[in-house]
Amino acid sequence: MAKVLVSVPCARLETVLVNVDLVLQATPPPSRVSGEHVLNALARLNGPSLPARLGTSLHVTTPPLADPARYDRLREVDHS
């Protein structure tokens, strides 16, 4: 748990305490909580969030066709 205490100056005490409480609530009773659990939860909350939608200029002009026999043809080996 020393690693958790070391994170206090960077993440603020209130944030670390909330993370510890969340991890303790999410962990079932027979399991044990480690400092890595708390640091992982802290990293997830402070990490960069993904954009809502990734924009791209690519568009599919022809729809993909299902051809399961293609895979059988690729597996065929000419033994001559």
PDB file of N, CA and C in Angstrom:
ATOM      1  N   MET A   1       0.810  -1.200   0.000  1.00  0.00           N
ATOM      2  CA  MET A   1       0.000   0.000   0.000  1.00  0.00           C
ATOM      3  C   MET A   1       0.853   1.265   0.000  1.00  0.00           C
ATOM      4  N   ALA A   2       2.154   1.106   0.112  1.00  0.00           N
ATOM      5  CA  ALA A   2       3.033   2.276   0.077  1.00  0.00           C
ATOM      6  C   ALA A   2       2.948   2.977  -1.274  1.00  0.00           C
ATOM      7  N   LYS A   3       2.743   2.206  -2.342  1.00  0.00           N
ATOM      8  CA  LYS A   3       2.621   2.805  -3.673  1.00  0.00           C
ATOM      9  C   LYS A   3       1.411   3.735  -3.739  1.00  0.00           C
ATOM     10  N   VAL A   4       0.354   3.370  -3.042  1.00  0.00           N
ATOM     11  CA  VAL A   4      -0.848   4.202  -3.018  1.00  0.00           C
ATOM     12  C   VAL A   4      -0.548   5.513  -2.298  1.00  0.00           C
ATOM     13  N   LEU A   5       0.176   5.437  -1.199  1.00  0.00           N
ATOM     14  CA  LEU A   5       0.519   6.648  -0.456  1.00  0.00           C
ATOM     15  C   LEU A   5       1.441   7.561  -1.263  1.00  0.00           C
ATOM     16  N   VAL A   6       2.313   6.968  -2.059  1.00  0.00           N
ATOM     17  CA  VAL A   6       3.210   7.774  -2.896  1.00  0.00           C
ATOM     18  C   VAL A   6       2.426   8.531  -3.956  1.00  0.00           C
ATOM     19  N   SER A   7       1.283   8.009  -4.384  1.00  0.00           N
ATOM     20  CA  SER A   7       0.493   8.672  -5.428  1.00  0.00           C
ATOM     21  C   SER A   7      -0.309   9.859  -4.902  1.00  0.00           C
ATOM     22  N   VAL A   8      -0.377  10.029  -3.592  1.00  0.00           N
ATOM     23  CA  VAL A   8      -1.193  11.101  -3.002  1.00  0.00           C
ATOM     24  C   VAL A   8      -0.759  12.498  -3.444  1.00  0.00           C
ATOM     25  N   PRO A   9       0.536  12.839  -3.474  1.00  0.00           N
ATOM     26  CA  PRO A   9       0.896  14.206  -3.885  1.00  0.00           C
ATOM     27  C   PRO A   9       0.478  14.554  -5.317  1.00  0.00           C
ATOM     28  N   CYS A  10       0.507  13.574  -6.192  1.00  0.00           N
ATOM     29  CA  CYS A  10       0.145  13.848  -7.590  1.00  0.00           C
ATOM     30  C   CYS A  10      -1.365  13.825  -7.808  1.00  0.00           C
ATOM     31  N   ALA A  11      -2.063  12.898  -7.146  1.00  0.00           N
ATOM     32  CA  ALA A  11      -3.478  12.695  -7.426  1.00  0.00           C
ATOM     33  C   ALA A  11      -4.412  13.333  -6.409  1.00  0.00           C
ATOM     34  N   ARG A  12      -3.889  13.901  -5.360  1.00  0.00           N
ATOM     35  CA  ARG A  12      -4.664  14.499  -4.267  1.00  0.00           C
ATOM     36  C   ARG A  12      -5.265  13.423  -3.371  1.00  0.00           C
ATOM     37  N   LEU A  13      -5.285  13.706  -2.110  1.00  0.00           N
ATOM     38  CA  LEU A  13      -5.733  12.752  -1.103  1.00  0.00           C
ATOM     39  C   LEU A  13      -7.187  12.344  -1.301  1.00  0.00           C
ATOM     40  N   GLU A  14      -8.071  13.300  -1.607  1.00  0.00           N
ATOM     41  CA  GLU A  14      -9.487  12.988  -1.761  1.00  0.00           C
ATOM     42  C   GLU A  14      -9.705  11.990  -2.897  1.00  0.00           C
ATOM     43  N   THR A  15      -8.995  12.187  -4.007  1.00  0.00           N
ATOM     44  CA  THR A  15      -9.143  11.296  -5.154  1.00  0.00           C
ATOM     45  C   THR A  15      -8.670   9.891  -4.816  1.00  0.00           C
ATOM     46  N   VAL A  16      -7.548   9.790  -4.114  1.00  0.00           N
ATOM     47  CA  VAL A  16      -7.025   8.481  -3.740  1.00  0.00           C
ATOM     48  C   VAL A  16      -7.979   7.785  -2.777  1.00  0.00           C
ATOM     49  N   LEU A  17      -8.526   8.515  -1.827  1.00  0.00           N
ATOM     50  CA  LEU A  17      -9.468   7.920  -0.875  1.00  0.00           C
ATOM     51  C   LEU A  17     -10.726   7.420  -1.573  1.00  0.00           C
ATOM     52  N   VAL A  18     -11.224   8.187  -2.525  1.00  0.00           N
ATOM     53  CA  VAL A  18     -12.411   7.750  -3.281  1.00  0.00           C
ATOM     54  C   VAL A  18     -12.087   6.490  -4.071  1.00  0.00           C
ATOM     55  N   ASN A  19     -10.905   6.439  -4.685  1.00  0.00           N
ATOM     56  CA  ASN A  19     -10.517   5.241  -5.441  1.00  0.00           C
ATOM     57  C   ASN A  19     -10.384   4.026  -4.538  1.00  0.00           C
ATOM     58  N   VAL A  20      -9.793   4.197  -3.382  1.00  0.00           N
ATOM     59  CA  VAL A  20      -9.673   3.087  -2.442  1.00  0.00           C
ATOM     60  C   VAL A  20     -11.060   2.595  -2.050  1.00  0.00           C
ATOM     61  N   ASP A  21     -11.961   3.514  -1.771  1.00  0.00           N
ATOM     62  CA  ASP A  21     -13.322   3.133  -1.398  1.00  0.00           C
ATOM     63  C   ASP A  21     -14.019   2.398  -2.542  1.00  0.00           C
ATOM     64  N   LEU A  22     -13.866   2.871  -3.781  1.00  0.00           N
ATOM     65  CA  LEU A  22     -14.492   2.208  -4.933  1.00  0.00           C
ATOM     66  C   LEU A  22     -13.937   0.805  -5.138  1.00  0.00           C
ATOM     67  N   VAL A  23     -12.633   0.658  -4.996  1.00  0.00           N
ATOM     68  CA  VAL A  23     -12.025  -0.659  -5.175  1.00  0.00           C
ATOM     69  C   VAL A  23     -12.476  -1.605  -4.078  1.00  0.00           C
ATOM     70  N   LEU A  24     -12.564  -1.123  -2.858  1.00  0.00           N
ATOM     71  CA  LEU A  24     -13.019  -1.972  -1.763  1.00  0.00           C
ATOM     72  C   LEU A  24     -14.467  -2.400  -1.952  1.00  0.00           C
ATOM     73  N   GLN A  25     -15.304  -1.509  -2.467  1.00  0.00           N
ATOM     74  CA  GLN A  25     -16.699  -1.854  -2.702  1.00  0.00           C
ATOM     75  C   GLN A  25     -16.854  -2.843  -3.853  1.00  0.00           C
ATOM     76  N   ALA A  26     -15.969  -2.752  -4.853  1.00  0.00           N
ATOM     77  CA  ALA A  26     -16.081  -3.607  -6.036  1.00  0.00           C
ATOM     78  C   ALA A  26     -15.451  -4.983  -5.844  1.00  0.00           C
ATOM     79  N   THR A  27     -14.680  -5.165  -4.792  1.00  0.00           N
ATOM     80  CA  THR A  27     -13.989  -6.431  -4.572  1.00  0.00           C
ATOM     81  C   THR A  27     -14.809  -7.305  -3.643  1.00  0.00           C
ATOM     82  N   PRO A  28     -15.105  -8.543  -4.057  1.00  0.00           N
ATOM     83  CA  PRO A  28     -15.869  -9.440  -3.188  1.00  0.00           C
ATOM     84  C   PRO A  28     -15.088  -9.778  -1.917  1.00  0.00           C
ATOM     85  N   PRO A  29     -15.769 -10.092  -0.823  1.00  0.00           N
ATOM     86  CA  PRO A  29     -15.127 -10.288   0.482  1.00  0.00           C
ATOM     87  C   PRO A  29     -13.984 -11.295   0.536  1.00  0.00           C
ATOM     88  N   PRO A  30     -14.036 -12.461  -0.102  1.00  0.00           N
ATOM     89  CA  PRO A  30     -12.894 -13.355   0.085  1.00  0.00           C
ATOM     90  C   PRO A  30     -11.621 -12.871  -0.605  1.00  0.00           C
ATOM     91  N   SER A  31     -11.743 -11.957  -1.557  1.00  0.00           N
ATOM     92  CA  SER A  31     -10.578 -11.470  -2.298  1.00  0.00           C
ATOM     93  C   SER A  31      -9.821 -10.433  -1.483  1.00  0.00           C
ATOM     94  N   ARG A  32      -8.567 -10.253  -1.853  1.00  0.00           N
ATOM     95  CA  ARG A  32      -7.741  -9.244  -1.197  1.00  0.00           C
ATOM     96  C   ARG A  32      -7.478  -8.107  -2.170  1.00  0.00           C
ATOM     97  N   VAL A  33      -7.405  -6.901  -1.655  1.00  0.00           N
ATOM     98  CA  VAL A  33      -7.142  -5.718  -2.468  1.00  0.00           C
ATOM     99  C   VAL A  33      -5.666  -5.379  -2.341  1.00  0.00           C
ATOM    100  N   SER A  34      -5.037  -5.096  -3.470  1.00  0.00           N
ATOM    101  CA  SER A  34      -3.630  -4.717  -3.448  1.00  0.00           C
ATOM    102  C   SER A  34      -3.488  -3.261  -3.884  1.00  0.00           C
ATOM    103  N   GLY A  35      -2.303  -2.736  -3.695  1.00  0.00           N
ATOM    104  CA  GLY A  35      -2.024  -1.373  -4.132  1.00  0.00           C
ATOM    105  C   GLY A  35      -2.156  -1.215  -5.633  1.00  0.00           C
ATOM    106  N   GLU A  36      -1.849  -2.291  -6.366  1.00  0.00           N
ATOM    107  CA  GLU A  36      -1.966  -2.246  -7.827  1.00  0.00           C
ATOM    108  C   GLU A  36      -3.419  -2.060  -8.261  1.00  0.00           C
ATOM    109  N   HIS A  37      -4.353  -2.658  -7.510  1.00  0.00           N
ATOM    110  CA  HIS A  37      -5.774  -2.451  -7.819  1.00  0.00           C
ATOM    111  C   HIS A  37      -6.133  -0.976  -7.736  1.00  0.00           C
ATOM    112  N   VAL A  38      -5.707  -0.345  -6.669  1.00  0.00           N
ATOM    113  CA  VAL A  38      -6.045   1.063  -6.453  1.00  0.00           C
ATOM    114  C   VAL A  38      -5.362   1.941  -7.496  1.00  0.00           C
ATOM    115  N   LEU A  39      -4.085   1.669  -7.783  1.00  0.00           N
ATOM    116  CA  LEU A  39      -3.371   2.476  -8.787  1.00  0.00           C
ATOM    117  C   LEU A  39      -3.965   2.286 -10.171  1.00  0.00           C
ATOM    118  N   ASN A  40      -4.436   1.089 -10.475  1.00  0.00           N
ATOM    119  CA  ASN A  40      -5.077   0.841 -11.760  1.00  0.00           C
ATOM    120  C   ASN A  40      -6.365   1.649 -11.877  1.00  0.00           C
ATOM    121  N   ALA A  41      -7.172   1.650 -10.827  1.00  0.00           N
ATOM    122  CA  ALA A  41      -8.412   2.436 -10.847  1.00  0.00           C
ATOM    123  C   ALA A  41      -8.104   3.919 -10.947  1.00  0.00           C
ATOM    124  N   LEU A  42      -7.066   4.363 -10.274  1.00  0.00           N
ATOM    125  CA  LEU A  42      -6.668   5.769 -10.327  1.00  0.00           C
ATOM    126  C   LEU A  42      -6.211   6.147 -11.732  1.00  0.00           C
ATOM    127  N   ALA A  43      -5.452   5.271 -12.369  1.00  0.00           N
ATOM    128  CA  ALA A  43      -4.976   5.534 -13.731  1.00  0.00           C
ATOM    129  C   ALA A  43      -6.131   5.592 -14.719  1.00  0.00           C
ATOM    130  N   ARG A  44      -7.128   4.731 -14.511  1.00  0.00           N
ATOM    131  CA  ARG A  44      -8.284   4.752 -15.417  1.00  0.00           C
ATOM    132  C   ARG A  44      -9.069   6.044 -15.301  1.00  0.00           C
ATOM    133  N   LEU A  45      -9.212   6.550 -14.086  1.00  0.00           N
ATOM    134  CA  LEU A  45      -9.973   7.789 -13.908  1.00  0.00           C
ATOM    135  C   LEU A  45      -9.206   9.001 -14.418  1.00  0.00           C
ATOM    136  N   ASN A  46      -7.888   8.971 -14.316  1.00  0.00           N
ATOM    137  CA  ASN A  46      -7.083  10.123 -14.721  1.00  0.00           C
ATOM    138  C   ASN A  46      -6.555  10.017 -16.137  1.00  0.00           C
ATOM    139  N   GLY A  47      -6.719   8.859 -16.758  1.00  0.00           N
ATOM    140  CA  GLY A  47      -6.192   8.649 -18.100  1.00  0.00           C
ATOM    141  C   GLY A  47      -6.987   9.414 -19.144  1.00  0.00           C
ATOM    142  N   PRO A  48      -6.417   9.517 -20.342  1.00  0.00           N
ATOM    143  CA  PRO A  48      -7.134  10.213 -21.411  1.00  0.00           C
ATOM    144  C   PRO A  48      -8.366   9.418 -21.829  1.00  0.00           C
ATOM    145  N   SER A  49      -9.440  10.122 -22.037  1.00  0.00           N
ATOM    146  CA  SER A  49     -10.663   9.451 -22.470  1.00  0.00           C
ATOM    147  C   SER A  49     -10.671   9.331 -23.991  1.00  0.00           C
ATOM    148  N   LEU A  50     -11.342   8.321 -24.477  1.00  0.00           N
ATOM    149  CA  LEU A  50     -11.440   8.128 -25.918  1.00  0.00           C
ATOM    150  C   LEU A  50     -12.440   9.107 -26.498  1.00  0.00           C
ATOM    151  N   PRO A  51     -12.198   9.575 -27.711  1.00  0.00           N
ATOM    152  CA  PRO A  51     -13.171  10.464 -28.328  1.00  0.00           C
ATOM    153  C   PRO A  51     -14.498   9.744 -28.552  1.00  0.00           C
ATOM    154  N   ALA A  52     -15.564  10.508 -28.566  1.00  0.00           N
ATOM    155  CA  ALA A  52     -16.899   9.926 -28.721  1.00  0.00           C
ATOM    156  C   ALA A  52     -17.022   9.174 -30.043  1.00  0.00           C
ATOM    157  N   ARG A  53     -16.468   9.735 -31.094  1.00  0.00           N
ATOM    158  CA  ARG A  53     -16.544   9.097 -32.404  1.00  0.00           C
ATOM    159  C   ARG A  53     -15.292   9.449 -33.171  1.00  0.00           C
ATOM    160  N   LEU A  54     -14.661   8.445 -33.733  1.00  0.00           N
ATOM    161  CA  LEU A  54     -13.479   8.685 -34.541  1.00  0.00           C
ATOM    162  C   LEU A  54     -13.921   8.969 -35.968  1.00  0.00           C
ATOM    163  N   GLY A  55     -13.540  10.105 -36.487  1.00  0.00           N
ATOM    164  CA  GLY A  55     -13.921  10.467 -37.848  1.00  0.00           C
ATOM    165  C   GLY A  55     -12.934   9.911 -38.855  1.00  0.00           C
ATOM    166  N   THR A  56     -13.433   9.546 -40.015  1.00  0.00           N
ATOM    167  CA  THR A  56     -12.579   9.063 -41.091  1.00  0.00           C
ATOM    168  C   THR A  56     -13.193   9.463 -42.428  1.00  0.00           C
ATOM    169  N   SER A  57     -12.337   9.600 -43.397  1.00  0.00           N
ATOM    170  CA  SER A  57     -12.832   9.951 -44.725  1.00  0.00           C
ATOM    171  C   SER A  57     -12.983   8.707 -45.604  1.00  0.00           C
ATOM    172  N   LEU A  58     -12.739   7.532 -45.042  1.00  0.00           N
ATOM    173  CA  LEU A  58     -12.844   6.299 -45.809  1.00  0.00           C
ATOM    174  C   LEU A  58     -14.292   5.812 -45.838  1.00  0.00           C
ATOM    175  N   HIS A  59     -14.716   5.353 -47.012  1.00  0.00           N
ATOM    176  CA  HIS A  59     -16.059   4.819 -47.161  1.00  0.00           C
ATOM    177  C   HIS A  59     -15.988   3.536 -47.968  1.00  0.00           C
ATOM    178  N   VAL A  60     -16.817   2.574 -47.628  1.00  0.00           N
ATOM    179  CA  VAL A  60     -16.867   1.309 -48.354  1.00  0.00           C
ATOM    180  C   VAL A  60     -17.745   1.503 -49.582  1.00  0.00           C
ATOM    181  N   THR A  61     -17.182   1.208 -50.753  1.00  0.00           N
ATOM    182  CA  THR A  61     -17.951   1.382 -51.986  1.00  0.00           C
ATOM    183  C   THR A  61     -18.661   0.098 -52.382  1.00  0.00           C
ATOM    184  N   THR A  62     -18.048  -1.051 -52.086  1.00  0.00           N
ATOM    185  CA  THR A  62     -18.706  -2.323 -52.369  1.00  0.00           C
ATOM    186  C   THR A  62     -18.816  -3.102 -51.060  1.00  0.00           C
ATOM    187  N   PRO A  63     -19.977  -3.636 -50.778  1.00  0.00           N
ATOM    188  CA  PRO A  63     -20.129  -4.366 -49.519  1.00  0.00           C
ATOM    189  C   PRO A  63     -19.309  -5.652 -49.539  1.00  0.00           C
ATOM    190  N   PRO A  64     -18.812  -6.083 -48.394  1.00  0.00           N
ATOM    191  CA  PRO A  64     -18.050  -7.326 -48.354  1.00  0.00           C
ATOM    192  C   PRO A  64     -18.963  -8.519 -48.648  1.00  0.00           C
ATOM    193  N   LEU A  65     -18.416  -9.502 -49.341  1.00  0.00           N
ATOM    194  CA  LEU A  65     -19.177 -10.689 -49.705  1.00  0.00           C
ATOM    195  C   LEU A  65     -18.707 -11.874 -48.859  1.00  0.00           C
ATOM    196  N   ALA A  66     -19.646 -12.640 -48.379  1.00  0.00           N
ATOM    197  CA  ALA A  66     -19.306 -13.839 -47.619  1.00  0.00           C
ATOM    198  C   ALA A  66     -19.025 -14.966 -48.598  1.00  0.00           C
ATOM    199  N   ASP A  67     -17.840 -15.549 -48.512  1.00  0.00           N
ATOM    200  CA  ASP A  67     -17.457 -16.653 -49.389  1.00  0.00           C
ATOM    201  C   ASP A  67     -16.708 -17.694 -48.562  1.00  0.00           C
ATOM    202  N   PRO A  68     -17.451 -18.527 -47.810  1.00  0.00           N
ATOM    203  CA  PRO A  68     -16.778 -19.522 -46.965  1.00  0.00           C
ATOM    204  C   PRO A  68     -15.955 -20.526 -47.769  1.00  0.00           C
ATOM    205  N   ALA A  69     -16.326 -20.793 -48.992  1.00  0.00           N
ATOM    206  CA  ALA A  69     -15.577 -21.742 -49.811  1.00  0.00           C
ATOM    207  C   ALA A  69     -14.182 -21.219 -50.132  1.00  0.00           C
ATOM    208  N   ARG A  70     -14.000 -19.922 -50.065  1.00  0.00           N
ATOM    209  CA  ARG A  70     -12.686 -19.329 -50.345  1.00  0.00           C
ATOM    210  C   ARG A  70     -11.635 -19.882 -49.389  1.00  0.00           C
ATOM    211  N   TYR A  71     -11.998 -20.038 -48.145  1.00  0.00           N
ATOM    212  CA  TYR A  71     -11.049 -20.533 -47.159  1.00  0.00           C
ATOM    213  C   TYR A  71     -10.701 -21.993 -47.431  1.00  0.00           C
ATOM    214  N   ASP A  72     -11.670 -22.758 -47.913  1.00  0.00           N
ATOM    215  CA  ASP A  72     -11.379 -24.140 -48.278  1.00  0.00           C
ATOM    216  C   ASP A  72     -10.422 -24.193 -49.463  1.00  0.00           C
ATOM    217  N   ARG A  73     -10.604 -23.290 -50.418  1.00  0.00           N
ATOM    218  CA  ARG A  73      -9.701 -23.248 -51.567  1.00  0.00           C
ATOM    219  C   ARG A  73      -8.299 -22.848 -51.142  1.00  0.00           C
ATOM    220  N   LEU A  74      -8.173 -21.961 -50.181  1.00  0.00           N
ATOM    221  CA  LEU A  74      -6.854 -21.549 -49.711  1.00  0.00           C
ATOM    222  C   LEU A  74      -6.141 -22.681 -48.967  1.00  0.00           C
ATOM    223  N   ARG A  75      -6.902 -23.559 -48.345  1.00  0.00           N
ATOM    224  CA  ARG A  75      -6.300 -24.659 -47.598  1.00  0.00           C
ATOM    225  C   ARG A  75      -5.889 -25.829 -48.494  1.00  0.00           C
ATOM    226  N   GLU A  76      -6.441 -25.880 -49.700  1.00  0.00           N
ATOM    227  CA  GLU A  76      -6.103 -26.971 -50.615  1.00  0.00           C
ATOM    228  C   GLU A  76      -4.640 -26.878 -51.021  1.00  0.00           C
ATOM    229  N   VAL A  77      -3.991 -28.032 -50.994  1.00  0.00           N
ATOM    230  CA  VAL A  77      -2.568 -28.081 -51.361  1.00  0.00           C
ATOM    231  C   VAL A  77      -2.432 -29.032 -52.541  1.00  0.00           C
ATOM    232  N   ASP A  78      -1.690 -28.586 -53.532  1.00  0.00           N
ATOM    233  CA  ASP A  78      -1.436 -29.428 -54.718  1.00  0.00           C
ATOM    234  C   ASP A  78      -0.280 -30.360 -54.382  1.00  0.00           C
ATOM    235  N   HIS A  79      -0.564 -31.675 -54.272  1.00  0.00           N
ATOM    236  CA  HIS A  79       0.462 -32.649 -53.904  1.00  0.00           C
ATOM    237  C   HIS A  79       1.112 -33.308 -55.108  1.00  0.00           C
ATOM    238  N   SER A  80       1.065 -32.694 -56.260  1.00  0.00           N
ATOM    239  CA  SER A  80       1.661 -33.340 -57.436  1.00  0.00           C
ATOM    240  C   SER A  80       3.119 -33.068 -57.593  1.00  0.00           C
TER     241      SER A  80
END
